[in-house]
Structure formats: structure tokens, C-alpha cells
Amino acid sequence: MPRLIALRLLQMLVTLVLLSAVIWLLIGLMPGDPADLAIAADPRLGPEDAARLRALHGLDRPLSERYLAWAAAVLRGEFGYSRLFSQPVTALLWPALWSSLALLGLALGLSAGIGIGLGVLAAARPRFAPAVDALAVLAQSTPSFWLGMLLIILFAVTLGWLPAGGAESWASLVLPVATLTVVNLAAYARHAASAMTEVLALPYVTTARAKGLSAATVLWRHAFPNAALPLLTVAALDAGSLVSGALVTETIFARPGMGKLIYDAIMGNDYNLALLALLLAAAVTMLATLAADLAQRWLDPRLAA
């Protein structure tokens, strides 16, 4: 197990280095730069002003040289400033990260809990399977922006029970969390139903039932741990959204999360902020995948052989 962890961490490091270089190149190839944006915003700026701005921000140097300088600064723990917002990157990342964690963490927990519960119900009680499958199809085919707008119209505009957006209170989380929960529970319901149906047909489950164990014990203590293996993979992939944010939902409900921050940074050619935010999302996704692999080996020791 320690060897696996060390190998995976090394792979993550190499991946992050390669990913940072690719993202830097792609952002650098985008048309325009901060100097062009400044000139477009203030027509009084001339070519000499643009040249001074490019020299000030190092934009007159080759792309590879700028990347190496950025990487060296990050390794020293110097994360720099955002040219777009004129603030330290850490001062922008942490509030946006907390906003996304609060929103997507709650949504992920609820969608996984409700989806797995529905999937287990469909597998244990086949008469409910058509209804669960129909609900999963309906949830998966529902656009998040459409559902979010309907919830705003109903609960914020018509009934006035909840705020339409913002991040001022916990009440503002109810509608966006409900939106993401409904949209994301379909994957957990379908995977749980498929995995549980397969596991419940195995001989050891029949043996457990023959021993006189209760239905709940057979279902949750004997069958579910093996059925949970593919669900861990789904949860690990969803964990990346905890940091990368949900751009559409955050925009509809006016939440200053990571999705909106990454979008603004990329569109504003803010290399430093965009790159660090994307690398943070990638690192969390890979760490979550590692955690899922370790949990799978703990649930099924045969995988560690």
C-alpha cells in the first residue's frame, strides 16, 4: 500500500507539471493579452503605453520563459497577484473555494445519499425499479439552468420563501443545492441499482439469507460493501467539481464560486489566477481518485493482491 501511494503521488506530480505547461500554452495562444484589454477599455492609451504595460507584466518575453519564471515562483511559495482583479491570488481563491465547497459538497452528499437509496430500493424491491429508472432518466435529462430558473420563479419570486441568489446566508444555498442534487442523483441511482442487482444474485448473499439474517443486515452489511466499489469511482470523479465549481448554477444563482472565477480568469487572460485555479481542481480530482482506490482496496482486499 505505501508503494502504491508513493507511485500515485509521483504520477500526480508529473501530471500537474505537464498539465500546467499545456494550460499555460493554451491560454497564451488565446488572442489578446492584458495590454490589449487595457487599450480596448481606454482608447486614450497608445502604442507606447501598451509597450510599457507588456514590459511591466513581462508579456514581451517568450511564452516558455514566462512559464519557467512562473513555475519557479510557485515552487518558492510565491503565488503572485491577479492582474484582472488586482489582488493576491490566494485572497481570491479561498473565498471562491469555500463558496463552491459549501454548495457542491452539500449537493454531492445529498445526490449520492438519495441516489444510492433509490438504487438500493430498485434492486431490493424490483417492483419499484421502473419508477426509479424513470425518475433517474427525468433527472439526468433536466438542464440545470432550466431547473434553477423554475425554482427561482416558484420559491423566490412567486412564494417569496427563499432568496433568489447570492451568498449572504445559508438560506441562499437551498435552491442551488436542490438544483444540483436533482441533476446529479441519476448517476448514483443507476450505478447503485445495477451493482446491487448483480451482487444480490451472488451465492454468498443467498447463503446469508439462508442463515436467517435479517433483510436489512443482508442488504447493507453483506451486499452493499461490494456494490459500493463502482460508486466510489463515481464519487471520486464528482469530487473534482467541488473545486472546479459549477459555472452555470453559480451564474444563475449569483454565487461567487470557483466556476465563475475560472471563467473570468480565462476570458480575461489572467494567466496566474486561471492556471492556479485549474491546477487546484486537477489536484483535488486526482487525490479523490487515489482515496477512492484505497477505499476500494479496503472494501475488497483482493484488489490489493
C-alpha atoms as a PDB file:
ATOM      1  CA  MET A   1       0.000   0.000   0.000  1.00  0.00           C
ATOM      2  CA  PRO A   2       2.749   2.595   0.776  1.00  0.00           C
ATOM      3  CA  ARG A   3       4.383   1.762  -2.536  1.00  0.00           C
ATOM      4  CA  LEU A   4       1.079   2.349  -4.351  1.00  0.00           C
ATOM      5  CA  ILE A   5       0.589   5.693  -2.622  1.00  0.00           C
ATOM      6  CA  ALA A   6       4.145   6.829  -3.408  1.00  0.00           C
ATOM      7  CA  LEU A   7       3.796   5.801  -7.058  1.00  0.00           C
ATOM      8  CA  ARG A   8       0.455   7.547  -7.447  1.00  0.00           C
ATOM      9  CA  LEU A   9       1.745  10.747  -5.816  1.00  0.00           C
ATOM     10  CA  LEU A  10       4.686  10.750  -8.236  1.00  0.00           C
ATOM     11  CA  GLN A  11       2.279  10.295 -11.141  1.00  0.00           C
ATOM     12  CA  MET A  12       0.180  13.192  -9.840  1.00  0.00           C
ATOM     13  CA  LEU A  13       3.225  15.445  -9.651  1.00  0.00           C
ATOM     14  CA  VAL A  14       4.251  14.643 -13.227  1.00  0.00           C
ATOM     15  CA  THR A  15       0.665  15.114 -14.421  1.00  0.00           C
ATOM     16  CA  LEU A  16       0.367  18.500 -12.725  1.00  0.00           C
ATOM     17  CA  VAL A  17       3.627  19.692 -14.276  1.00  0.00           C
ATOM     18  CA  LEU A  18       2.569  18.609 -17.766  1.00  0.00           C
ATOM     19  CA  LEU A  19      -0.938  19.975 -17.252  1.00  0.00           C
ATOM     20  CA  SER A  20       0.380  23.347 -16.118  1.00  0.00           C
ATOM     21  CA  ALA A  21       2.571  23.620 -19.225  1.00  0.00           C
ATOM     22  CA  VAL A  22      -0.307  22.703 -21.553  1.00  0.00           C
ATOM     23  CA  ILE A  23      -2.752  25.099 -19.886  1.00  0.00           C
ATOM     24  CA  TRP A  24      -0.174  27.907 -19.932  1.00  0.00           C
ATOM     25  CA  LEU A  25       0.422  27.322 -23.647  1.00  0.00           C
ATOM     26  CA  LEU A  26      -3.293  27.247 -24.474  1.00  0.00           C
ATOM     27  CA  ILE A  27      -4.036  30.423 -22.519  1.00  0.00           C
ATOM     28  CA  GLY A  28      -1.003  32.102 -24.037  1.00  0.00           C
ATOM     29  CA  LEU A  29      -2.208  31.295 -27.550  1.00  0.00           C
ATOM     30  CA  MET A  30      -5.550  32.980 -26.940  1.00  0.00           C
ATOM     31  CA  PRO A  31      -5.955  36.232 -28.913  1.00  0.00           C
ATOM     32  CA  GLY A  32      -5.218  39.389 -26.993  1.00  0.00           C
ATOM     33  CA  ASP A  33      -3.444  39.964 -23.697  1.00  0.00           C
ATOM     34  CA  PRO A  34      -3.980  42.255 -20.668  1.00  0.00           C
ATOM     35  CA  ALA A  35      -2.380  45.143 -22.541  1.00  0.00           C
ATOM     36  CA  ASP A  36      -4.835  44.747 -25.426  1.00  0.00           C
ATOM     37  CA  LEU A  37      -7.717  44.604 -22.951  1.00  0.00           C
ATOM     38  CA  ALA A  38      -6.478  47.781 -21.267  1.00  0.00           C
ATOM     39  CA  ILE A  39      -6.253  49.590 -24.599  1.00  0.00           C
ATOM     40  CA  ALA A  40      -9.755  48.445 -25.529  1.00  0.00           C
ATOM     41  CA  ALA A  41     -11.075  49.762 -22.213  1.00  0.00           C
ATOM     42  CA  ASP A  42      -9.315  53.134 -22.511  1.00  0.00           C
ATOM     43  CA  PRO A  43      -8.868  54.483 -26.070  1.00  0.00           C
ATOM     44  CA  ARG A  44      -6.510  57.176 -24.734  1.00  0.00           C
ATOM     45  CA  LEU A  45      -3.772  54.574 -24.343  1.00  0.00           C
ATOM     46  CA  GLY A  46      -1.368  54.493 -27.261  1.00  0.00           C
ATOM     47  CA  PRO A  47       1.242  52.040 -28.585  1.00  0.00           C
ATOM     48  CA  GLU A  48       3.880  53.358 -26.155  1.00  0.00           C
ATOM     49  CA  ASP A  49       1.571  52.746 -23.202  1.00  0.00           C
ATOM     50  CA  ALA A  50       0.859  49.220 -24.459  1.00  0.00           C
ATOM     51  CA  ALA A  51       4.589  48.525 -24.747  1.00  0.00           C
ATOM     52  CA  ARG A  52       5.191  49.748 -21.176  1.00  0.00           C
ATOM     53  CA  LEU A  53       2.339  47.545 -19.885  1.00  0.00           C
ATOM     54  CA  ARG A  54       3.728  44.491 -21.656  1.00  0.00           C
ATOM     55  CA  ALA A  55       7.192  45.147 -20.269  1.00  0.00           C
ATOM     56  CA  LEU A  56       5.804  45.747 -16.767  1.00  0.00           C
ATOM     57  CA  HIS A  57       3.967  42.409 -16.736  1.00  0.00           C
ATOM     58  CA  GLY A  58       6.669  40.512 -18.621  1.00  0.00           C
ATOM     59  CA  LEU A  59       4.411  39.983 -21.617  1.00  0.00           C
ATOM     60  CA  ASP A  60       7.195  40.975 -24.006  1.00  0.00           C
ATOM     61  CA  ARG A  61       9.159  37.827 -23.113  1.00  0.00           C
ATOM     62  CA  PRO A  62       8.756  34.438 -24.852  1.00  0.00           C
ATOM     63  CA  LEU A  63       5.932  32.232 -23.580  1.00  0.00           C
ATOM     64  CA  SER A  64       8.297  29.481 -22.394  1.00  0.00           C
ATOM     65  CA  GLU A  65      10.427  31.939 -20.423  1.00  0.00           C
ATOM     66  CA  ARG A  66       7.345  33.345 -18.705  1.00  0.00           C
ATOM     67  CA  TYR A  67       6.182  29.839 -17.806  1.00  0.00           C
ATOM     68  CA  LEU A  68       9.520  28.894 -16.251  1.00  0.00           C
ATOM     69  CA  ALA A  69       9.552  32.118 -14.237  1.00  0.00           C
ATOM     70  CA  TRP A  70       6.015  31.413 -13.012  1.00  0.00           C
ATOM     71  CA  ALA A  71       6.857  27.814 -12.080  1.00  0.00           C
ATOM     72  CA  ALA A  72       9.947  28.900 -10.153  1.00  0.00           C
ATOM     73  CA  ALA A  73       7.907  31.455  -8.193  1.00  0.00           C
ATOM     74  CA  VAL A  74       5.239  28.864  -7.334  1.00  0.00           C
ATOM     75  CA  LEU A  75       7.893  26.434  -6.084  1.00  0.00           C
ATOM     76  CA  ARG A  76       9.130  29.206  -3.771  1.00  0.00           C
ATOM     77  CA  GLY A  77       5.584  29.619  -2.428  1.00  0.00           C
ATOM     78  CA  GLU A  78       5.028  32.906  -4.261  1.00  0.00           C
ATOM     79  CA  PHE A  79       1.616  32.638  -5.920  1.00  0.00           C
ATOM     80  CA  GLY A  80       1.553  36.205  -7.149  1.00  0.00           C
ATOM     81  CA  TYR A  81      -1.273  38.589  -7.981  1.00  0.00           C
ATOM     82  CA  SER A  82      -4.259  38.519 -10.254  1.00  0.00           C
ATOM     83  CA  ARG A  83      -3.895  41.120 -12.996  1.00  0.00           C
ATOM     84  CA  LEU A  84      -7.652  41.021 -13.612  1.00  0.00           C
ATOM     85  CA  PHE A  85      -8.739  41.699 -10.020  1.00  0.00           C
ATOM     86  CA  SER A  86      -5.576  43.464  -8.716  1.00  0.00           C
ATOM     87  CA  GLN A  87      -5.494  41.218  -5.645  1.00  0.00           C
ATOM     88  CA  PRO A  88      -3.300  38.365  -4.387  1.00  0.00           C
ATOM     89  CA  VAL A  89      -4.375  35.073  -5.935  1.00  0.00           C
ATOM     90  CA  THR A  90      -4.818  33.432  -2.531  1.00  0.00           C
ATOM     91  CA  ALA A  91      -7.198  36.206  -1.474  1.00  0.00           C
ATOM     92  CA  LEU A  92      -9.403  35.312  -4.452  1.00  0.00           C
ATOM     93  CA  LEU A  93      -9.083  31.531  -4.410  1.00  0.00           C
ATOM     94  CA  TRP A  94     -10.020  30.798  -0.804  1.00  0.00           C
ATOM     95  CA  PRO A  95     -13.373  32.661  -0.661  1.00  0.00           C
ATOM     96  CA  ALA A  96     -14.380  31.213  -4.040  1.00  0.00           C
ATOM     97  CA  LEU A  97     -13.224  27.752  -2.949  1.00  0.00           C
ATOM     98  CA  TRP A  98     -15.245  27.919   0.256  1.00  0.00           C
ATOM     99  CA  SER A  99     -18.331  29.023  -1.685  1.00  0.00           C
ATOM    100  CA  SER A 100     -18.003  26.106  -4.101  1.00  0.00           C
ATOM    101  CA  LEU A 101     -17.268  23.605  -1.331  1.00  0.00           C
ATOM    102  CA  ALA A 102     -20.347  24.679   0.595  1.00  0.00           C
ATOM    103  CA  LEU A 103     -22.565  24.460  -2.490  1.00  0.00           C
ATOM    104  CA  LEU A 104     -21.189  21.389  -4.235  1.00  0.00           C
ATOM    105  CA  GLY A 105     -20.279  19.498  -1.076  1.00  0.00           C
ATOM    106  CA  LEU A 106     -23.866  19.600   0.133  1.00  0.00           C
ATOM    107  CA  ALA A 107     -25.186  18.782  -3.340  1.00  0.00           C
ATOM    108  CA  LEU A 108     -22.774  15.865  -3.749  1.00  0.00           C
ATOM    109  CA  GLY A 109     -23.669  14.428  -0.355  1.00  0.00           C
ATOM    110  CA  LEU A 110     -27.407  14.710  -0.964  1.00  0.00           C
ATOM    111  CA  SER A 111     -27.312  13.410  -4.533  1.00  0.00           C
ATOM    112  CA  ALA A 112     -25.159  10.440  -3.501  1.00  0.00           C
ATOM    113  CA  GLY A 113     -27.325   9.629  -0.486  1.00  0.00           C
ATOM    114  CA  ILE A 114     -30.657   9.948  -2.290  1.00  0.00           C
ATOM    115  CA  GLY A 115     -29.400   8.294  -5.475  1.00  0.00           C
ATOM    116  CA  ILE A 116     -27.870   5.318  -3.675  1.00  0.00           C
ATOM    117  CA  GLY A 117     -31.002   4.911  -1.580  1.00  0.00           C
ATOM    118  CA  LEU A 118     -33.163   4.835  -4.709  1.00  0.00           C
ATOM    119  CA  GLY A 119     -30.802   2.423  -6.437  1.00  0.00           C
ATOM    120  CA  VAL A 120     -30.782   0.025  -3.489  1.00  0.00           C
ATOM    121  CA  LEU A 121     -34.577   0.212  -3.335  1.00  0.00           C
ATOM    122  CA  ALA A 122     -34.849  -0.650  -7.023  1.00  0.00           C
ATOM    123  CA  ALA A 123     -32.524  -3.643  -6.619  1.00  0.00           C
ATOM    124  CA  ALA A 124     -34.084  -4.961  -3.398  1.00  0.00           C
ATOM    125  CA  ARG A 125     -37.686  -4.343  -4.473  1.00  0.00           C
ATOM    126  CA  PRO A 126     -37.875  -4.902  -8.254  1.00  0.00           C
ATOM    127  CA  ARG A 127     -41.440  -3.583  -8.423  1.00  0.00           C
ATOM    128  CA  PHE A 128     -40.039  -0.108  -7.715  1.00  0.00           C
ATOM    129  CA  ALA A 129     -37.336  -0.403 -10.402  1.00  0.00           C
ATOM    130  CA  PRO A 130     -39.391   1.137 -13.269  1.00  0.00           C
ATOM    131  CA  ALA A 131     -40.308   4.156 -11.156  1.00  0.00           C
ATOM    132  CA  VAL A 132     -36.698   4.657 -10.018  1.00  0.00           C
ATOM    133  CA  ASP A 133     -35.420   4.292 -13.579  1.00  0.00           C
ATOM    134  CA  ALA A 134     -37.976   6.819 -14.854  1.00  0.00           C
ATOM    135  CA  LEU A 135     -37.000   9.261 -12.118  1.00  0.00           C
ATOM    136  CA  ALA A 136     -33.312   8.828 -12.975  1.00  0.00           C
ATOM    137  CA  VAL A 137     -33.967   9.449 -16.676  1.00  0.00           C
ATOM    138  CA  LEU A 138     -36.013  12.552 -15.856  1.00  0.00           C
ATOM    139  CA  ALA A 139     -33.326  13.917 -13.523  1.00  0.00           C
ATOM    140  CA  GLN A 140     -30.497  13.224 -15.955  1.00  0.00           C
ATOM    141  CA  SER A 141     -32.296  14.898 -18.858  1.00  0.00           C
ATOM    142  CA  THR A 142     -33.198  18.029 -16.891  1.00  0.00           C
ATOM    143  CA  PRO A 143     -30.919  21.007 -17.734  1.00  0.00           C
ATOM    144  CA  SER A 144     -29.578  22.610 -14.579  1.00  0.00           C
ATOM    145  CA  PHE A 145     -30.187  26.167 -15.830  1.00  0.00           C
ATOM    146  CA  TRP A 146     -33.829  25.390 -16.634  1.00  0.00           C
ATOM    147  CA  LEU A 147     -34.483  23.732 -13.284  1.00  0.00           C
ATOM    148  CA  GLY A 148     -32.709  26.546 -11.452  1.00  0.00           C
ATOM    149  CA  MET A 149     -34.824  29.201 -13.153  1.00  0.00           C
ATOM    150  CA  LEU A 150     -38.024  27.298 -12.343  1.00  0.00           C
ATOM    151  CA  LEU A 151     -37.055  27.042  -8.676  1.00  0.00           C
ATOM    152  CA  ILE A 152     -36.267  30.778  -8.558  1.00  0.00           C
ATOM    153  CA  ILE A 153     -39.616  31.662 -10.137  1.00  0.00           C
ATOM    154  CA  LEU A 154     -41.539  29.388  -7.769  1.00  0.00           C
ATOM    155  CA  PHE A 155     -39.810  29.761  -4.399  1.00  0.00           C
ATOM    156  CA  ALA A 156     -38.188  33.203  -4.694  1.00  0.00           C
ATOM    157  CA  VAL A 157     -40.484  35.232  -6.950  1.00  0.00           C
ATOM    158  CA  THR A 158     -43.943  33.680  -6.525  1.00  0.00           C
ATOM    159  CA  LEU A 159     -43.852  32.381  -2.940  1.00  0.00           C
ATOM    160  CA  GLY A 160     -41.036  34.585  -1.599  1.00  0.00           C
ATOM    161  CA  TRP A 161     -39.823  31.840   0.721  1.00  0.00           C
ATOM    162  CA  LEU A 162     -36.146  31.797  -0.275  1.00  0.00           C
ATOM    163  CA  PRO A 163     -33.606  34.260  -1.711  1.00  0.00           C
ATOM    164  CA  ALA A 164     -33.097  34.057  -5.462  1.00  0.00           C
ATOM    165  CA  GLY A 165     -29.303  34.016  -5.173  1.00  0.00           C
ATOM    166  CA  GLY A 166     -26.243  35.485  -3.566  1.00  0.00           C
ATOM    167  CA  ALA A 167     -24.102  34.126  -0.754  1.00  0.00           C
ATOM    168  CA  GLU A 168     -25.218  36.216   2.201  1.00  0.00           C
ATOM    169  CA  SER A 169     -26.846  33.420   4.219  1.00  0.00           C
ATOM    170  CA  TRP A 170     -27.276  29.664   4.382  1.00  0.00           C
ATOM    171  CA  ALA A 171     -30.820  30.105   3.035  1.00  0.00           C
ATOM    172  CA  SER A 172     -29.287  31.168  -0.285  1.00  0.00           C
ATOM    173  CA  LEU A 173     -27.835  27.647  -0.614  1.00  0.00           C
ATOM    174  CA  VAL A 174     -31.194  25.871  -0.647  1.00  0.00           C
ATOM    175  CA  LEU A 175     -32.190  26.473  -4.276  1.00  0.00           C
ATOM    176  CA  PRO A 176     -28.777  25.875  -5.919  1.00  0.00           C
ATOM    177  CA  VAL A 177     -28.188  22.768  -3.780  1.00  0.00           C
ATOM    178  CA  ALA A 178     -31.617  21.427  -4.735  1.00  0.00           C
ATOM    179  CA  THR A 179     -30.865  22.086  -8.412  1.00  0.00           C
ATOM    180  CA  LEU A 180     -27.543  20.240  -8.413  1.00  0.00           C
ATOM    181  CA  THR A 181     -28.898  17.409  -6.263  1.00  0.00           C
ATOM    182  CA  VAL A 182     -31.726  16.632  -8.671  1.00  0.00           C
ATOM    183  CA  VAL A 183     -29.462  16.813 -11.722  1.00  0.00           C
ATOM    184  CA  ASN A 184     -26.684  14.616 -10.259  1.00  0.00           C
ATOM    185  CA  LEU A 185     -28.578  11.891  -8.387  1.00  0.00           C
ATOM    186  CA  ALA A 186     -29.349   9.928 -11.581  1.00  0.00           C
ATOM    187  CA  ALA A 187     -25.805   8.578 -11.936  1.00  0.00           C
ATOM    188  CA  TYR A 188     -25.746   7.266  -8.363  1.00  0.00           C
ATOM    189  CA  ALA A 189     -29.218   5.727  -8.661  1.00  0.00           C
ATOM    190  CA  ARG A 190     -28.360   3.864 -11.855  1.00  0.00           C
ATOM    191  CA  HIS A 191     -24.944   2.636 -10.714  1.00  0.00           C
ATOM    192  CA  ALA A 192     -26.302   1.582  -7.318  1.00  0.00           C
ATOM    193  CA  ALA A 193     -29.233  -0.291  -8.867  1.00  0.00           C
ATOM    194  CA  SER A 194     -27.011  -2.101 -11.362  1.00  0.00           C
ATOM    195  CA  ALA A 195     -24.327  -3.018  -8.827  1.00  0.00           C
ATOM    196  CA  MET A 196     -26.777  -4.113  -6.130  1.00  0.00           C
ATOM    197  CA  THR A 197     -28.802  -6.237  -8.569  1.00  0.00           C
ATOM    198  CA  GLU A 198     -25.618  -8.060  -9.573  1.00  0.00           C
ATOM    199  CA  VAL A 199     -24.384  -8.547  -6.009  1.00  0.00           C
ATOM    200  CA  LEU A 200     -27.751  -9.727  -4.646  1.00  0.00           C
ATOM    201  CA  ALA A 201     -27.667 -12.609  -7.134  1.00  0.00           C
ATOM    202  CA  LEU A 202     -24.310 -13.923  -5.854  1.00  0.00           C
ATOM    203  CA  PRO A 203     -24.192 -17.207  -3.882  1.00  0.00           C
ATOM    204  CA  TYR A 204     -22.812 -15.688  -0.679  1.00  0.00           C
ATOM    205  CA  VAL A 205     -25.876 -13.422  -0.408  1.00  0.00           C
ATOM    206  CA  THR A 206     -28.147 -16.450  -0.801  1.00  0.00           C
ATOM    207  CA  THR A 207     -26.149 -18.166   1.935  1.00  0.00           C
ATOM    208  CA  ALA A 208     -26.519 -15.176   4.237  1.00  0.00           C
ATOM    209  CA  ARG A 209     -30.268 -15.243   3.722  1.00  0.00           C
ATOM    210  CA  ALA A 210     -30.378 -18.988   4.359  1.00  0.00           C
ATOM    211  CA  LYS A 211     -28.686 -18.446   7.721  1.00  0.00           C
ATOM    212  CA  GLY A 212     -31.711 -16.436   8.816  1.00  0.00           C
ATOM    213  CA  LEU A 213     -30.116 -12.984   8.780  1.00  0.00           C
ATOM    214  CA  SER A 214     -32.496 -10.058   8.549  1.00  0.00           C
ATOM    215  CA  ALA A 215     -33.129  -8.439   5.170  1.00  0.00           C
ATOM    216  CA  ALA A 216     -31.515  -5.174   6.322  1.00  0.00           C
ATOM    217  CA  THR A 217     -28.380  -6.996   7.511  1.00  0.00           C
ATOM    218  CA  VAL A 218     -28.036  -8.909   4.260  1.00  0.00           C
ATOM    219  CA  LEU A 219     -28.651  -5.788   2.211  1.00  0.00           C
ATOM    220  CA  TRP A 220     -26.408  -3.268   3.943  1.00  0.00           C
ATOM    221  CA  ARG A 221     -23.769  -5.318   5.754  1.00  0.00           C
ATOM    222  CA  HIS A 222     -23.126  -8.070   3.209  1.00  0.00           C
ATOM    223  CA  ALA A 223     -24.269  -6.854  -0.214  1.00  0.00           C
ATOM    224  CA  PHE A 224     -23.734  -3.105  -0.187  1.00  0.00           C
ATOM    225  CA  PRO A 225     -19.959  -3.040   0.618  1.00  0.00           C
ATOM    226  CA  ASN A 226     -19.247  -4.955  -2.606  1.00  0.00           C
ATOM    227  CA  ALA A 227     -21.756  -2.928  -4.602  1.00  0.00           C
ATOM    228  CA  ALA A 228     -20.157   0.294  -3.332  1.00  0.00           C
ATOM    229  CA  LEU A 229     -16.943  -0.251  -5.309  1.00  0.00           C
ATOM    230  CA  PRO A 230     -18.131   1.385  -8.583  1.00  0.00           C
ATOM    231  CA  LEU A 231     -19.939   4.095  -6.630  1.00  0.00           C
ATOM    232  CA  LEU A 232     -16.634   5.196  -5.105  1.00  0.00           C
ATOM    233  CA  THR A 233     -15.288   5.828  -8.601  1.00  0.00           C
ATOM    234  CA  VAL A 234     -18.307   7.976  -9.485  1.00  0.00           C
ATOM    235  CA  ALA A 235     -17.915   9.955  -6.249  1.00  0.00           C
ATOM    236  CA  ALA A 236     -14.188  10.448  -6.888  1.00  0.00           C
ATOM    237  CA  LEU A 237     -14.844  11.904 -10.333  1.00  0.00           C
ATOM    238  CA  ASP A 238     -17.554  14.162  -8.921  1.00  0.00           C
ATOM    239  CA  ALA A 239     -15.122  15.419  -6.284  1.00  0.00           C
ATOM    240  CA  GLY A 240     -13.323  17.422  -8.956  1.00  0.00           C
ATOM    241  CA  SER A 241     -16.408  19.591  -9.283  1.00  0.00           C
ATOM    242  CA  LEU A 242     -16.056  20.531  -5.621  1.00  0.00           C
ATOM    243  CA  VAL A 243     -13.117  22.706  -6.607  1.00  0.00           C
ATOM    244  CA  SER A 244     -13.729  23.488 -10.282  1.00  0.00           C
ATOM    245  CA  GLY A 245     -17.190  24.795  -9.440  1.00  0.00           C
ATOM    246  CA  ALA A 246     -20.475  24.707 -11.336  1.00  0.00           C
ATOM    247  CA  LEU A 247     -20.360  27.669 -13.703  1.00  0.00           C
ATOM    248  CA  VAL A 248     -23.976  27.536 -14.921  1.00  0.00           C
ATOM    249  CA  THR A 249     -25.512  27.089 -11.478  1.00  0.00           C
ATOM    250  CA  GLU A 250     -23.227  29.681  -9.877  1.00  0.00           C
ATOM    251  CA  THR A 251     -24.117  32.170 -12.606  1.00  0.00           C
ATOM    252  CA  ILE A 252     -27.874  31.621 -12.294  1.00  0.00           C
ATOM    253  CA  PHE A 253     -27.841  31.993  -8.512  1.00  0.00           C
ATOM    254  CA  ALA A 254     -25.159  34.747  -8.470  1.00  0.00           C
ATOM    255  CA  ARG A 255     -22.735  32.772  -6.285  1.00  0.00           C
ATOM    256  CA  PRO A 256     -19.052  33.831  -6.423  1.00  0.00           C
ATOM    257  CA  GLY A 257     -17.652  30.303  -6.726  1.00  0.00           C
ATOM    258  CA  MET A 258     -14.696  28.675  -8.451  1.00  0.00           C
ATOM    259  CA  GLY A 259     -16.534  28.093 -11.715  1.00  0.00           C
ATOM    260  CA  LYS A 260     -17.217  31.797 -12.228  1.00  0.00           C
ATOM    261  CA  LEU A 261     -13.714  32.706 -11.058  1.00  0.00           C
ATOM    262  CA  ILE A 262     -12.036  30.320 -13.523  1.00  0.00           C
ATOM    263  CA  TYR A 263     -14.255  31.543 -16.359  1.00  0.00           C
ATOM    264  CA  ASP A 264     -13.474  35.209 -15.654  1.00  0.00           C
ATOM    265  CA  ALA A 265      -9.739  34.480 -15.340  1.00  0.00           C
ATOM    266  CA  ILE A 266      -9.574  32.633 -18.675  1.00  0.00           C
ATOM    267  CA  MET A 267     -11.652  35.192 -20.561  1.00  0.00           C
ATOM    268  CA  GLY A 268      -9.574  37.999 -19.044  1.00  0.00           C
ATOM    269  CA  ASN A 269      -6.237  36.330 -19.921  1.00  0.00           C
ATOM    270  CA  ASP A 270      -5.306  36.240 -16.248  1.00  0.00           C
ATOM    271  CA  TYR A 271      -2.666  33.514 -16.628  1.00  0.00           C
ATOM    272  CA  ASN A 272      -1.727  33.226 -12.974  1.00  0.00           C
ATOM    273  CA  LEU A 273      -5.201  33.024 -11.493  1.00  0.00           C
ATOM    274  CA  ALA A 274      -6.595  30.695 -14.180  1.00  0.00           C
ATOM    275  CA  LEU A 275      -3.667  28.310 -14.008  1.00  0.00           C
ATOM    276  CA  LEU A 276      -3.574  28.015 -10.225  1.00  0.00           C
ATOM    277  CA  ALA A 277      -7.353  27.515 -10.031  1.00  0.00           C
ATOM    278  CA  LEU A 278      -7.323  24.812 -12.708  1.00  0.00           C
ATOM    279  CA  LEU A 279      -4.347  23.040 -11.130  1.00  0.00           C
ATOM    280  CA  LEU A 280      -6.100  23.099  -7.759  1.00  0.00           C
ATOM    281  CA  ALA A 281      -9.150  21.436  -9.329  1.00  0.00           C
ATOM    282  CA  ALA A 282      -6.970  18.827 -11.046  1.00  0.00           C
ATOM    283  CA  ALA A 283      -5.029  18.060  -7.851  1.00  0.00           C
ATOM    284  CA  VAL A 284      -8.205  17.554  -5.825  1.00  0.00           C
ATOM    285  CA  THR A 285      -9.661  15.279  -8.526  1.00  0.00           C
ATOM    286  CA  MET A 286      -6.537  13.101  -8.550  1.00  0.00           C
ATOM    287  CA  LEU A 287      -6.369  12.955  -4.752  1.00  0.00           C
ATOM    288  CA  ALA A 288     -10.033  11.961  -4.632  1.00  0.00           C
ATOM    289  CA  THR A 289      -9.356   9.214  -7.179  1.00  0.00           C
ATOM    290  CA  LEU A 290      -6.486   7.939  -5.031  1.00  0.00           C
ATOM    291  CA  ALA A 291      -8.723   7.966  -1.961  1.00  0.00           C
ATOM    292  CA  ALA A 292     -11.359   6.003  -3.899  1.00  0.00           C
ATOM    293  CA  ASP A 293      -8.767   3.418  -4.953  1.00  0.00           C
ATOM    294  CA  LEU A 294      -7.605   2.989  -1.362  1.00  0.00           C
ATOM    295  CA  ALA A 295     -11.197   2.672  -0.156  1.00  0.00           C
ATOM    296  CA  GLN A 296     -11.885   0.037  -2.823  1.00  0.00           C
ATOM    297  CA  ARG A 297      -8.873  -1.973  -1.672  1.00  0.00           C
ATOM    298  CA  TRP A 298     -10.055  -1.696   1.893  1.00  0.00           C
ATOM    299  CA  LEU A 299     -13.533  -2.938   0.968  1.00  0.00           C
ATOM    300  CA  ASP A 300     -12.204  -5.688  -1.303  1.00  0.00           C
ATOM    301  CA  PRO A 301      -8.756  -6.986  -0.201  1.00  0.00           C
ATOM    302  CA  ARG A 302      -8.500  -8.979  -3.444  1.00  0.00           C
ATOM    303  CA  LEU A 303      -7.737  -5.732  -5.302  1.00  0.00           C
ATOM    304  CA  ALA A 304      -4.585  -5.244  -3.221  1.00  0.00           C
ATOM    305  CA  ALA A 305      -3.188  -8.620  -4.250  1.00  0.00           C
END
